[in-house]
Protein backbone atom coordinates (compact mmCIF):
# COMPACT_ATOMS: atom_id res chain seq x y z
CA MET A 1 6.97 34.96 -71.54
CA SER A 2 5.37 37.77 -69.68
CA PRO A 3 7.47 39.22 -66.75
CA LEU A 4 4.74 38.60 -64.37
CA ASP A 5 4.93 34.96 -64.93
CA ARG A 6 6.62 32.82 -62.49
CA PRO A 7 9.92 30.92 -63.45
CA VAL A 8 9.30 27.26 -64.43
CA PRO A 9 11.53 24.76 -63.06
CA PRO A 10 14.03 23.21 -65.03
CA ALA A 11 12.88 19.81 -66.92
CA GLY A 12 13.71 16.84 -64.39
CA GLU A 13 14.10 18.87 -61.21
CA GLU A 14 13.14 16.42 -58.44
CA ILE A 15 9.72 17.17 -56.73
CA HIS A 16 9.53 16.72 -53.00
CA LEU A 17 6.77 14.97 -51.55
CA PRO A 18 6.51 13.79 -48.04
CA GLY A 19 6.69 10.13 -47.15
CA GLY A 20 3.57 8.15 -45.50
CA SER A 21 2.80 8.74 -42.04
CA LEU A 22 0.39 7.56 -39.33
CA GLN A 23 0.47 10.96 -37.91
CA PRO A 24 -3.13 12.14 -39.26
CA VAL A 25 -4.36 8.90 -38.29
CA LEU A 26 -3.27 8.93 -34.55
CA LEU A 27 -4.32 12.77 -34.42
CA ALA A 28 -7.80 11.74 -35.49
CA VAL A 29 -7.87 8.93 -33.07
CA GLY A 30 -6.67 11.17 -30.22
CA LEU A 31 -9.30 14.01 -30.77
CA THR A 32 -11.88 11.27 -31.11
CA LEU A 33 -10.93 9.72 -27.78
CA ALA A 34 -11.08 13.34 -26.09
CA LEU A 35 -14.29 14.11 -27.67
CA VAL A 36 -16.07 10.61 -26.66
CA GLY A 37 -14.35 10.84 -23.31
CA VAL A 38 -16.48 14.08 -22.69
CA THR A 39 -19.73 11.97 -22.14
CA ILE A 40 -17.88 8.76 -20.96
CA SER A 41 -14.64 9.23 -18.97
CA MET A 42 -12.13 11.69 -18.00
CA VAL A 43 -9.58 9.18 -18.10
CA LEU A 44 -10.58 9.27 -21.97
CA VAL A 45 -10.59 12.96 -22.09
CA VAL A 46 -6.80 12.84 -20.79
CA PHE A 47 -5.47 10.05 -22.84
CA GLY A 48 -6.74 11.57 -25.90
CA ALA A 49 -5.56 14.92 -25.24
CA VAL A 50 -2.04 13.74 -24.54
CA LEU A 51 -2.06 11.56 -27.39
CA SER A 52 -3.25 14.89 -29.85
CA VAL A 53 -0.57 17.13 -28.28
CA ALA A 54 2.10 14.42 -28.62
CA VAL A 55 1.05 13.83 -32.50
CA ILE A 56 0.95 17.54 -32.86
CA VAL A 57 4.41 18.30 -31.60
CA ARG A 58 5.81 15.42 -33.41
CA TRP A 59 4.36 16.40 -36.70
CA ILE A 60 5.70 19.91 -36.48
CA MET A 61 9.05 18.61 -35.56
CA ASP A 62 8.97 16.23 -38.84
CA ALA A 63 7.89 18.93 -40.85
CA ARG A 64 10.82 21.38 -39.68
CA ARG A 65 13.24 19.14 -39.98
CA GLU A 66 12.06 18.10 -43.68
CA MET A 67 12.04 21.83 -44.38
CA ALA A 68 15.91 22.13 -43.30
CA HIS A 69 16.71 19.27 -45.77
CA LEU A 70 15.42 21.26 -48.95
CA PRO A 71 18.21 22.84 -51.13
CA LEU A 72 19.34 26.25 -50.09
CA ASP A 73 18.04 27.47 -53.61
CA HIS A 74 14.59 26.09 -53.02
CA ASP A 75 11.85 28.73 -53.80
CA SER A 76 8.93 28.78 -51.50
CA HIS A 77 6.37 30.28 -53.84
């Protein structure tokens, strides 16, 4: 093994995968409403923008919470 190779995790180490989420779909809906609203109605622009911002904030909060629950010896490479 070369000294430049990254260490391989031990066999059987649990791999963290985030759970399913509706956040990507809701963000797409919010952005679509905002863009369609540009040609139809300002109400759609406002509603789409509010939905998009709310989903982005929630998504960031969830990601931060997941990162905080990782083991202390977790290597972020």
